[in-house]
N, C-alpha and C. Protein backbone atom coordinates (compact mmCIF):
# COMPACT_ATOMS: atom_id res chain seq x y z
N MET A 1 0.85 -1.17 0.00
CA MET A 1 0.00 0.00 0.00
C MET A 1 0.89 1.22 0.00
N THR A 2 0.63 2.12 -0.93
CA THR A 2 1.37 3.37 -0.97
C THR A 2 0.41 4.52 -0.69
N LEU A 3 0.80 5.36 0.26
CA LEU A 3 0.09 6.59 0.55
C LEU A 3 0.77 7.71 -0.22
N LEU A 4 0.03 8.37 -1.09
CA LEU A 4 0.55 9.48 -1.86
C LEU A 4 0.00 10.77 -1.26
N VAL A 5 0.88 11.54 -0.61
CA VAL A 5 0.50 12.80 0.02
C VAL A 5 0.61 13.88 -1.05
N GLY A 6 -0.53 14.47 -1.43
CA GLY A 6 -0.59 15.28 -2.64
C GLY A 6 -0.40 16.76 -2.52
N SER A 7 -0.13 17.30 -1.36
CA SER A 7 0.03 18.75 -1.22
C SER A 7 1.50 19.12 -1.14
N ASN A 8 1.86 20.20 -1.80
CA ASN A 8 3.23 20.70 -1.70
C ASN A 8 3.27 22.20 -1.39
N ARG A 9 2.17 22.74 -0.95
CA ARG A 9 2.11 24.16 -0.60
C ARG A 9 2.89 24.45 0.67
N HIS A 10 3.49 25.61 0.73
CA HIS A 10 4.15 26.07 1.95
C HIS A 10 3.09 26.20 3.05
N GLY A 11 3.37 25.69 4.23
CA GLY A 11 2.44 25.76 5.34
C GLY A 11 1.26 24.81 5.21
N ARG A 12 1.43 23.79 4.43
CA ARG A 12 0.34 22.85 4.12
C ARG A 12 -0.20 22.14 5.36
N PHE A 13 -1.45 21.70 5.27
CA PHE A 13 -2.13 20.99 6.34
C PHE A 13 -2.03 19.47 6.13
N GLY A 14 -1.61 19.05 4.96
CA GLY A 14 -1.56 17.64 4.59
C GLY A 14 -0.86 16.73 5.59
N PRO A 15 0.29 17.11 6.17
CA PRO A 15 0.94 16.22 7.12
C PRO A 15 0.09 15.87 8.34
N VAL A 16 -0.78 16.78 8.76
CA VAL A 16 -1.66 16.49 9.90
C VAL A 16 -2.61 15.35 9.53
N VAL A 17 -3.24 15.46 8.37
CA VAL A 17 -4.17 14.42 7.91
C VAL A 17 -3.40 13.13 7.61
N ALA A 18 -2.21 13.26 7.03
CA ALA A 18 -1.40 12.08 6.70
C ALA A 18 -1.02 11.30 7.96
N ASP A 19 -0.67 12.00 9.02
CA ASP A 19 -0.33 11.31 10.28
C ASP A 19 -1.53 10.54 10.81
N TRP A 20 -2.70 11.16 10.77
CA TRP A 20 -3.91 10.47 11.21
C TRP A 20 -4.15 9.23 10.34
N LEU A 21 -4.02 9.42 9.04
CA LEU A 21 -4.27 8.32 8.11
C LEU A 21 -3.25 7.20 8.27
N LEU A 22 -1.99 7.54 8.47
CA LEU A 22 -0.96 6.51 8.68
C LEU A 22 -1.26 5.66 9.90
N GLY A 23 -1.83 6.24 10.92
CA GLY A 23 -2.24 5.46 12.09
C GLY A 23 -3.24 4.38 11.70
N HIS A 24 -4.17 4.71 10.83
CA HIS A 24 -5.16 3.74 10.37
C HIS A 24 -4.53 2.69 9.45
N LEU A 25 -3.64 3.13 8.60
CA LEU A 25 -2.98 2.18 7.69
C LEU A 25 -2.14 1.18 8.48
N ARG A 26 -1.40 1.66 9.45
CA ARG A 26 -0.54 0.78 10.24
C ARG A 26 -1.34 -0.16 11.14
N ALA A 27 -2.53 0.28 11.56
CA ALA A 27 -3.36 -0.54 12.44
C ALA A 27 -4.13 -1.62 11.67
N HIS A 28 -4.24 -1.47 10.37
CA HIS A 28 -4.96 -2.44 9.55
C HIS A 28 -4.06 -3.65 9.31
N ASP A 29 -4.51 -4.82 9.71
CA ASP A 29 -3.69 -6.04 9.64
C ASP A 29 -3.16 -6.35 8.25
N ASP A 30 -3.88 -5.97 7.21
CA ASP A 30 -3.52 -6.35 5.85
C ASP A 30 -2.72 -5.30 5.10
N LEU A 31 -2.27 -4.25 5.76
CA LEU A 31 -1.60 -3.16 5.07
C LEU A 31 -0.24 -2.84 5.67
N VAL A 32 0.71 -2.63 4.78
CA VAL A 32 2.04 -2.15 5.16
C VAL A 32 2.29 -0.90 4.31
N PRO A 33 2.19 0.29 4.93
CA PRO A 33 2.26 1.51 4.13
C PRO A 33 3.68 1.95 3.76
N GLU A 34 3.78 2.44 2.54
CA GLU A 34 4.92 3.22 2.04
C GLU A 34 4.37 4.62 1.81
N VAL A 35 5.22 5.62 1.88
CA VAL A 35 4.75 6.99 1.69
C VAL A 35 5.52 7.65 0.55
N VAL A 36 4.77 8.30 -0.32
CA VAL A 36 5.34 9.18 -1.34
C VAL A 36 4.74 10.55 -1.07
N ASP A 37 5.59 11.52 -0.80
CA ASP A 37 5.14 12.88 -0.48
C ASP A 37 5.52 13.80 -1.63
N VAL A 38 4.52 14.39 -2.25
CA VAL A 38 4.74 15.28 -3.39
C VAL A 38 5.69 16.41 -3.02
N ALA A 39 5.61 16.89 -1.79
CA ALA A 39 6.47 17.99 -1.36
C ALA A 39 7.94 17.59 -1.31
N ALA A 40 8.22 16.31 -1.23
CA ALA A 40 9.60 15.83 -1.16
C ALA A 40 10.14 15.44 -2.54
N THR A 41 9.36 15.67 -3.58
CA THR A 41 9.81 15.31 -4.92
C THR A 41 10.18 16.55 -5.70
N ASP A 42 11.07 16.37 -6.63
CA ASP A 42 11.49 17.48 -7.48
C ASP A 42 11.46 17.02 -8.93
N LEU A 43 10.25 16.86 -9.43
CA LEU A 43 10.07 16.41 -10.81
C LEU A 43 9.74 17.59 -11.70
N PRO A 44 10.42 17.73 -12.82
CA PRO A 44 10.07 18.82 -13.74
C PRO A 44 8.71 18.56 -14.38
N THR A 45 8.07 19.62 -14.80
CA THR A 45 6.78 19.48 -15.48
C THR A 45 6.95 19.23 -16.97
N THR A 46 8.17 19.26 -17.45
CA THR A 46 8.43 19.03 -18.87
C THR A 46 8.57 17.55 -19.21
N PHE A 47 8.61 16.70 -18.22
CA PHE A 47 8.83 15.27 -18.37
C PHE A 47 10.16 14.96 -19.04
N ALA A 48 11.10 15.86 -18.86
CA ALA A 48 12.45 15.64 -19.38
C ALA A 48 13.20 14.70 -18.43
N PRO A 49 13.85 13.68 -18.96
CA PRO A 49 14.57 12.72 -18.11
C PRO A 49 15.91 13.28 -17.63
N THR A 50 15.86 14.36 -16.88
CA THR A 50 17.07 14.97 -16.35
C THR A 50 17.66 14.09 -15.26
N PRO A 51 18.90 14.30 -14.89
CA PRO A 51 19.47 13.55 -13.76
C PRO A 51 18.67 13.73 -12.47
N GLU A 52 18.14 14.95 -12.26
CA GLU A 52 17.34 15.20 -11.06
C GLU A 52 16.03 14.41 -11.11
N ALA A 53 15.39 14.39 -12.26
CA ALA A 53 14.14 13.62 -12.40
C ALA A 53 14.41 12.13 -12.24
N THR A 54 15.50 11.65 -12.81
CA THR A 54 15.86 10.24 -12.69
C THR A 54 16.08 9.87 -11.23
N ALA A 55 16.74 10.74 -10.49
CA ALA A 55 16.98 10.47 -9.06
C ALA A 55 15.67 10.48 -8.28
N ALA A 56 14.78 11.44 -8.56
CA ALA A 56 13.49 11.49 -7.87
C ALA A 56 12.66 10.26 -8.19
N LEU A 57 12.65 9.86 -9.45
CA LEU A 57 11.87 8.69 -9.85
C LEU A 57 12.41 7.41 -9.24
N ALA A 58 13.72 7.35 -9.01
CA ALA A 58 14.31 6.17 -8.38
C ALA A 58 13.77 5.96 -6.97
N GLU A 59 13.35 7.05 -6.32
CA GLU A 59 12.75 6.96 -4.99
C GLU A 59 11.26 6.64 -5.06
N ILE A 60 10.57 7.22 -6.04
CA ILE A 60 9.11 7.14 -6.10
C ILE A 60 8.62 5.90 -6.83
N THR A 61 9.12 5.66 -8.02
CA THR A 61 8.57 4.61 -8.89
C THR A 61 8.54 3.24 -8.24
N PRO A 62 9.58 2.78 -7.55
CA PRO A 62 9.49 1.45 -6.92
C PRO A 62 8.36 1.35 -5.89
N LYS A 63 8.10 2.43 -5.16
CA LYS A 63 7.01 2.41 -4.18
C LYS A 63 5.66 2.28 -4.87
N LEU A 64 5.51 2.93 -6.01
CA LEU A 64 4.26 2.83 -6.75
C LEU A 64 4.14 1.47 -7.44
N ALA A 65 5.23 1.01 -8.03
CA ALA A 65 5.20 -0.25 -8.78
C ALA A 65 4.91 -1.44 -7.88
N SER A 66 5.43 -1.44 -6.67
CA SER A 66 5.27 -2.60 -5.78
C SER A 66 3.95 -2.60 -5.02
N ALA A 67 3.24 -1.51 -5.04
CA ALA A 67 1.99 -1.40 -4.28
C ALA A 67 0.87 -2.21 -4.93
N ASP A 68 0.07 -2.85 -4.09
CA ASP A 68 -1.15 -3.50 -4.57
C ASP A 68 -2.33 -2.54 -4.53
N ALA A 69 -2.17 -1.42 -3.83
CA ALA A 69 -3.24 -0.44 -3.69
C ALA A 69 -2.63 0.90 -3.29
N PHE A 70 -3.43 1.95 -3.47
CA PHE A 70 -2.97 3.30 -3.16
C PHE A 70 -4.04 4.04 -2.35
N VAL A 71 -3.57 4.92 -1.48
CA VAL A 71 -4.42 5.94 -0.89
C VAL A 71 -3.83 7.27 -1.33
N VAL A 72 -4.65 8.09 -1.96
CA VAL A 72 -4.22 9.41 -2.39
C VAL A 72 -4.87 10.43 -1.47
N LEU A 73 -4.04 11.20 -0.81
CA LEU A 73 -4.47 12.26 0.10
C LEU A 73 -4.34 13.58 -0.64
N THR A 74 -5.45 14.27 -0.82
CA THR A 74 -5.41 15.51 -1.59
C THR A 74 -6.15 16.64 -0.91
N PRO A 75 -5.57 17.84 -0.97
CA PRO A 75 -6.35 19.02 -0.62
C PRO A 75 -7.14 19.44 -1.86
N GLU A 76 -8.00 20.40 -1.67
CA GLU A 76 -8.69 20.99 -2.82
C GLU A 76 -8.15 22.40 -3.01
N TYR A 77 -7.55 22.61 -4.18
CA TYR A 77 -7.06 23.94 -4.56
C TYR A 77 -7.87 24.38 -5.78
N ASN A 78 -8.58 25.47 -5.67
CA ASN A 78 -9.32 26.01 -6.80
C ASN A 78 -10.24 24.99 -7.46
N HIS A 79 -10.98 24.26 -6.64
CA HIS A 79 -11.96 23.27 -7.07
C HIS A 79 -11.35 22.03 -7.71
N SER A 80 -10.08 21.76 -7.48
CA SER A 80 -9.45 20.56 -8.03
C SER A 80 -8.29 20.15 -7.14
N PHE A 81 -7.47 19.24 -7.66
CA PHE A 81 -6.32 18.77 -6.89
C PHE A 81 -5.06 19.52 -7.34
N PRO A 82 -4.00 19.48 -6.54
CA PRO A 82 -2.80 20.27 -6.83
C PRO A 82 -2.03 19.80 -8.06
N ALA A 83 -1.39 20.76 -8.69
CA ALA A 83 -0.57 20.46 -9.87
C ALA A 83 0.57 19.50 -9.55
N GLY A 84 1.17 19.63 -8.38
CA GLY A 84 2.26 18.73 -8.00
C GLY A 84 1.81 17.28 -7.95
N LEU A 85 0.59 17.04 -7.47
CA LEU A 85 0.04 15.69 -7.44
C LEU A 85 -0.18 15.17 -8.86
N LYS A 86 -0.74 16.00 -9.71
CA LYS A 86 -0.94 15.60 -11.12
C LYS A 86 0.39 15.28 -11.77
N ASN A 87 1.41 16.04 -11.46
CA ASN A 87 2.72 15.80 -12.05
C ASN A 87 3.26 14.43 -11.65
N VAL A 88 3.18 14.08 -10.38
CA VAL A 88 3.65 12.76 -9.93
C VAL A 88 2.83 11.66 -10.59
N ILE A 89 1.53 11.84 -10.68
CA ILE A 89 0.69 10.84 -11.33
C ILE A 89 1.11 10.68 -12.79
N ASP A 90 1.29 11.79 -13.49
CA ASP A 90 1.58 11.74 -14.92
C ASP A 90 2.96 11.20 -15.27
N TRP A 91 3.89 11.22 -14.35
CA TRP A 91 5.21 10.64 -14.61
C TRP A 91 5.13 9.11 -14.67
N HIS A 92 4.00 8.56 -14.28
CA HIS A 92 3.85 7.10 -14.22
C HIS A 92 2.64 6.67 -15.03
N PHE A 93 2.67 5.43 -15.49
CA PHE A 93 1.52 4.89 -16.20
C PHE A 93 1.24 3.45 -15.76
N ASN A 94 2.15 2.55 -16.06
CA ASN A 94 1.93 1.14 -15.73
C ASN A 94 1.82 0.90 -14.23
N GLU A 95 2.40 1.76 -13.43
CA GLU A 95 2.37 1.58 -11.98
C GLU A 95 0.95 1.65 -11.42
N TRP A 96 0.05 2.34 -12.11
CA TRP A 96 -1.33 2.50 -11.64
C TRP A 96 -2.27 1.41 -12.18
N ARG A 97 -1.89 0.78 -13.28
CA ARG A 97 -2.80 -0.10 -14.02
C ARG A 97 -3.33 -1.27 -13.18
N ALA A 98 -4.65 -1.41 -13.24
CA ALA A 98 -5.36 -2.52 -12.60
C ALA A 98 -5.07 -2.60 -11.10
N LYS A 99 -5.02 -1.43 -10.47
CA LYS A 99 -4.83 -1.35 -9.02
C LYS A 99 -5.90 -0.42 -8.44
N PRO A 100 -6.31 -0.65 -7.19
CA PRO A 100 -7.31 0.21 -6.58
C PRO A 100 -6.70 1.45 -5.92
N VAL A 101 -7.52 2.50 -5.91
CA VAL A 101 -7.11 3.78 -5.32
C VAL A 101 -8.22 4.24 -4.38
N GLY A 102 -7.84 4.53 -3.14
CA GLY A 102 -8.74 5.15 -2.18
C GLY A 102 -8.42 6.63 -2.11
N LEU A 103 -9.44 7.44 -1.93
CA LEU A 103 -9.25 8.90 -1.92
C LEU A 103 -9.60 9.49 -0.57
N VAL A 104 -8.68 10.28 -0.04
CA VAL A 104 -8.89 11.02 1.20
C VAL A 104 -8.65 12.48 0.86
N SER A 105 -9.62 13.33 1.19
CA SER A 105 -9.51 14.74 0.81
C SER A 105 -9.81 15.64 1.99
N TYR A 106 -9.35 16.86 1.86
CA TYR A 106 -9.62 17.86 2.89
C TYR A 106 -9.69 19.23 2.25
N GLY A 107 -10.39 20.11 2.92
CA GLY A 107 -10.53 21.47 2.40
C GLY A 107 -11.51 22.25 3.26
N GLY A 108 -12.12 23.23 2.63
CA GLY A 108 -13.08 24.07 3.32
C GLY A 108 -14.45 23.43 3.34
N LEU A 109 -15.45 24.14 2.88
CA LEU A 109 -16.82 23.64 2.93
C LEU A 109 -17.02 22.36 2.15
N ALA A 110 -16.35 22.20 1.03
CA ALA A 110 -16.54 21.01 0.18
C ALA A 110 -15.69 19.83 0.65
N GLY A 111 -14.77 20.05 1.56
CA GLY A 111 -13.98 18.95 2.10
C GLY A 111 -13.07 18.26 1.09
N GLY A 112 -12.79 18.94 -0.01
CA GLY A 112 -11.92 18.35 -1.02
C GLY A 112 -12.62 17.39 -1.96
N LEU A 113 -13.92 17.28 -1.86
CA LEU A 113 -14.64 16.30 -2.68
C LEU A 113 -14.55 16.59 -4.18
N ARG A 114 -14.45 17.86 -4.56
CA ARG A 114 -14.30 18.18 -5.99
C ARG A 114 -12.96 17.69 -6.50
N ALA A 115 -11.92 17.79 -5.67
CA ALA A 115 -10.61 17.26 -6.04
C ALA A 115 -10.69 15.74 -6.22
N SER A 116 -11.39 15.07 -5.31
CA SER A 116 -11.54 13.62 -5.41
C SER A 116 -12.26 13.23 -6.69
N GLU A 117 -13.30 13.95 -7.06
CA GLU A 117 -14.03 13.62 -8.29
C GLU A 117 -13.15 13.81 -9.52
N HIS A 118 -12.32 14.81 -9.53
CA HIS A 118 -11.40 14.99 -10.66
C HIS A 118 -10.37 13.86 -10.71
N LEU A 119 -9.90 13.44 -9.54
CA LEU A 119 -8.94 12.33 -9.51
C LEU A 119 -9.56 11.04 -10.02
N ARG A 120 -10.83 10.82 -9.79
CA ARG A 120 -11.49 9.62 -10.32
C ARG A 120 -11.36 9.56 -11.84
N GLN A 121 -11.54 10.69 -12.50
CA GLN A 121 -11.42 10.74 -13.95
C GLN A 121 -10.00 10.43 -14.41
N VAL A 122 -9.04 10.99 -13.73
CA VAL A 122 -7.64 10.77 -14.09
C VAL A 122 -7.27 9.30 -13.90
N PHE A 123 -7.63 8.72 -12.76
CA PHE A 123 -7.27 7.33 -12.50
C PHE A 123 -8.01 6.36 -13.42
N ALA A 124 -9.23 6.69 -13.82
CA ALA A 124 -9.94 5.85 -14.78
C ALA A 124 -9.17 5.79 -16.11
N GLU A 125 -8.63 6.90 -16.51
CA GLU A 125 -7.84 6.95 -17.76
C GLU A 125 -6.58 6.10 -17.64
N LEU A 126 -6.06 5.97 -16.43
CA LEU A 126 -4.84 5.19 -16.20
C LEU A 126 -5.15 3.72 -15.88
N HIS A 127 -6.40 3.32 -16.06
CA HIS A 127 -6.84 1.94 -15.81
C HIS A 127 -6.74 1.54 -14.35
N ALA A 128 -6.86 2.51 -13.46
CA ALA A 128 -6.92 2.22 -12.03
C ALA A 128 -8.39 2.25 -11.61
N VAL A 129 -8.69 1.59 -10.50
CA VAL A 129 -10.05 1.50 -10.00
C VAL A 129 -10.14 2.30 -8.70
N THR A 130 -10.92 3.37 -8.70
CA THR A 130 -11.12 4.10 -7.44
C THR A 130 -12.26 3.43 -6.69
N VAL A 131 -12.06 3.25 -5.38
CA VAL A 131 -13.12 2.66 -4.58
C VAL A 131 -14.19 3.71 -4.31
N ARG A 132 -15.39 3.24 -4.09
CA ARG A 132 -16.53 4.14 -3.95
C ARG A 132 -16.41 5.05 -2.74
N ASP A 133 -16.14 4.47 -1.58
CA ASP A 133 -16.17 5.24 -0.34
C ASP A 133 -14.87 6.02 -0.16
N THR A 134 -15.01 7.22 0.33
CA THR A 134 -13.88 8.11 0.54
C THR A 134 -13.89 8.61 1.98
N VAL A 135 -12.85 9.33 2.33
CA VAL A 135 -12.80 10.05 3.59
C VAL A 135 -12.59 11.51 3.23
N SER A 136 -13.39 12.39 3.80
CA SER A 136 -13.21 13.81 3.52
C SER A 136 -13.35 14.62 4.80
N PHE A 137 -12.55 15.65 4.87
CA PHE A 137 -12.55 16.54 6.03
C PHE A 137 -13.00 17.93 5.60
N HIS A 138 -14.24 18.26 5.97
CA HIS A 138 -14.79 19.58 5.70
C HIS A 138 -14.29 20.52 6.79
N ASN A 139 -13.85 21.69 6.39
CA ASN A 139 -13.24 22.64 7.34
C ASN A 139 -12.17 21.93 8.15
N ALA A 140 -11.24 21.37 7.43
CA ALA A 140 -10.23 20.48 8.02
C ALA A 140 -9.49 21.08 9.20
N GLY A 141 -9.12 22.33 9.11
CA GLY A 141 -8.38 22.95 10.20
C GLY A 141 -9.12 22.91 11.53
N ALA A 142 -10.43 23.03 11.49
CA ALA A 142 -11.23 23.00 12.71
C ALA A 142 -11.51 21.57 13.18
N SER A 143 -11.26 20.58 12.31
CA SER A 143 -11.54 19.19 12.67
C SER A 143 -10.47 18.58 13.57
N PHE A 144 -9.28 19.17 13.55
CA PHE A 144 -8.14 18.64 14.31
C PHE A 144 -7.75 19.63 15.40
N ASP A 145 -7.28 19.11 16.52
CA ASP A 145 -6.81 19.98 17.60
C ASP A 145 -5.34 20.38 17.34
N ASP A 146 -4.77 21.13 18.24
CA ASP A 146 -3.40 21.63 18.07
C ASP A 146 -2.34 20.54 18.06
N GLU A 147 -2.66 19.37 18.59
CA GLU A 147 -1.71 18.25 18.60
C GLU A 147 -1.91 17.31 17.42
N GLY A 148 -2.84 17.64 16.51
CA GLY A 148 -3.09 16.81 15.34
C GLY A 148 -4.10 15.71 15.55
N GLY A 149 -4.80 15.71 16.70
CA GLY A 149 -5.83 14.71 16.95
C GLY A 149 -7.18 15.21 16.46
N LEU A 150 -8.02 14.29 16.04
CA LEU A 150 -9.36 14.67 15.61
C LEU A 150 -10.21 15.05 16.81
N ARG A 151 -10.95 16.10 16.67
CA ARG A 151 -11.85 16.53 17.75
C ARG A 151 -13.00 15.53 17.91
N ASP A 152 -13.51 15.03 16.80
CA ASP A 152 -14.56 14.00 16.82
C ASP A 152 -14.18 12.93 15.80
N PRO A 153 -13.51 11.88 16.24
CA PRO A 153 -13.00 10.87 15.30
C PRO A 153 -14.03 9.86 14.81
N SER A 154 -15.22 9.84 15.35
CA SER A 154 -16.16 8.76 15.04
C SER A 154 -16.47 8.65 13.55
N GLY A 155 -16.84 9.73 12.90
CA GLY A 155 -17.17 9.68 11.47
C GLY A 155 -15.96 9.36 10.60
N PRO A 156 -14.87 10.10 10.73
CA PRO A 156 -13.69 9.81 9.91
C PRO A 156 -13.11 8.42 10.16
N ASP A 157 -13.10 7.97 11.41
CA ASP A 157 -12.58 6.63 11.71
C ASP A 157 -13.41 5.56 11.01
N ALA A 158 -14.73 5.69 11.06
CA ALA A 158 -15.61 4.72 10.39
C ALA A 158 -15.43 4.77 8.88
N ALA A 159 -15.31 5.98 8.33
CA ALA A 159 -15.12 6.12 6.89
C ALA A 159 -13.79 5.51 6.46
N ALA A 160 -12.74 5.72 7.25
CA ALA A 160 -11.43 5.16 6.93
C ALA A 160 -11.47 3.64 6.95
N LYS A 161 -12.13 3.07 7.93
CA LYS A 161 -12.22 1.61 8.00
C LYS A 161 -12.92 1.05 6.77
N THR A 162 -14.04 1.65 6.39
CA THR A 162 -14.78 1.19 5.21
C THR A 162 -13.91 1.28 3.97
N MET A 163 -13.27 2.43 3.76
CA MET A 163 -12.45 2.62 2.57
C MET A 163 -11.28 1.64 2.54
N LEU A 164 -10.60 1.47 3.67
CA LEU A 164 -9.44 0.58 3.70
C LEU A 164 -9.85 -0.88 3.51
N ASP A 165 -10.98 -1.28 4.06
CA ASP A 165 -11.47 -2.63 3.82
C ASP A 165 -11.76 -2.85 2.34
N GLN A 166 -12.34 -1.85 1.68
CA GLN A 166 -12.59 -1.95 0.24
C GLN A 166 -11.27 -2.04 -0.52
N LEU A 167 -10.29 -1.24 -0.13
CA LEU A 167 -8.98 -1.28 -0.81
C LEU A 167 -8.32 -2.65 -0.68
N VAL A 168 -8.39 -3.23 0.49
CA VAL A 168 -7.79 -4.55 0.69
C VAL A 168 -8.50 -5.57 -0.21
N TRP A 169 -9.82 -5.53 -0.24
CA TRP A 169 -10.56 -6.47 -1.08
C TRP A 169 -10.17 -6.31 -2.55
N TRP A 170 -10.22 -5.07 -3.04
CA TRP A 170 -9.89 -4.81 -4.44
C TRP A 170 -8.42 -5.13 -4.73
N GLY A 171 -7.54 -4.80 -3.81
CA GLY A 171 -6.13 -5.10 -4.02
C GLY A 171 -5.88 -6.58 -4.19
N ARG A 172 -6.48 -7.39 -3.32
CA ARG A 172 -6.34 -8.85 -3.42
C ARG A 172 -6.97 -9.37 -4.71
N ALA A 173 -8.20 -8.93 -4.97
CA ALA A 173 -8.92 -9.42 -6.15
C ALA A 173 -8.17 -9.11 -7.43
N LEU A 174 -7.67 -7.90 -7.55
CA LEU A 174 -6.96 -7.52 -8.78
C LEU A 174 -5.60 -8.21 -8.87
N ARG A 175 -4.91 -8.36 -7.75
CA ARG A 175 -3.63 -9.07 -7.77
C ARG A 175 -3.83 -10.52 -8.21
N GLU A 176 -4.83 -11.19 -7.63
CA GLU A 176 -5.11 -12.58 -8.00
C GLU A 176 -5.54 -12.69 -9.45
N ALA A 177 -6.34 -11.77 -9.92
CA ALA A 177 -6.79 -11.78 -11.31
C ALA A 177 -5.59 -11.60 -12.26
N LYS A 178 -4.69 -10.70 -11.92
CA LYS A 178 -3.52 -10.46 -12.78
C LYS A 178 -2.58 -11.65 -12.79
N GLU A 179 -2.55 -12.42 -11.68
CA GLU A 179 -1.73 -13.63 -11.65
C GLU A 179 -2.28 -14.68 -12.60
N LYS A 180 -3.60 -14.74 -12.73
CA LYS A 180 -4.22 -15.72 -13.61
C LYS A 180 -4.23 -15.25 -15.06
N ARG A 181 -4.43 -13.96 -15.25
CA ARG A 181 -4.46 -13.41 -16.61
C ARG A 181 -3.91 -11.99 -16.55
N PRO A 182 -2.74 -11.77 -17.14
CA PRO A 182 -2.15 -10.42 -17.12
C PRO A 182 -3.09 -9.38 -17.71
N TYR A 183 -3.05 -8.21 -17.13
CA TYR A 183 -3.90 -7.10 -17.61
C TYR A 183 -3.13 -6.37 -18.70
N ASP A 184 -3.65 -6.41 -19.92
CA ASP A 184 -2.96 -5.72 -21.02
C ASP A 184 -3.96 -5.01 -21.91
N ALA A 185 -4.83 -4.23 -21.30
CA ALA A 185 -5.79 -3.45 -22.07
C ALA A 185 -5.15 -2.17 -22.54
């Protein structure tokens, strides 16, 4: 399982949500998380195979390639997801194919749901399967206390469990299917 942290803005809130989410990933018996943080990558937007891009991809690509499933954590910027997240996604193709993706979003009133809906379209084009249930944090800053704990964890905890259970099911099903018949659409 690879967690892709999609925000790279200065002063970002993503690490707070990522820490909460990593607790759930680590507590799930069937998941061993790897983390790819967009803010820690330095990929050009030109897709030029520069030495810097090659070095960044050497860190990222194996984590994506070896994953049976993904959780993408995204903020909502201007009614969509961040350009840095799109850039990391676009540098890869086969790594996403026939694998499930869970979406966790955060933002203001919409809770990042518009970003999640845009990501569904992108991942469908890459032959990835997004699971139905998501986790979203509306007014995210007010949802967490100063230590990064949720003020009311009941809803998000239940949503995370549902989404992660779906990811495990889809991850196993797709892995077993690909073992019997390679996916080459």
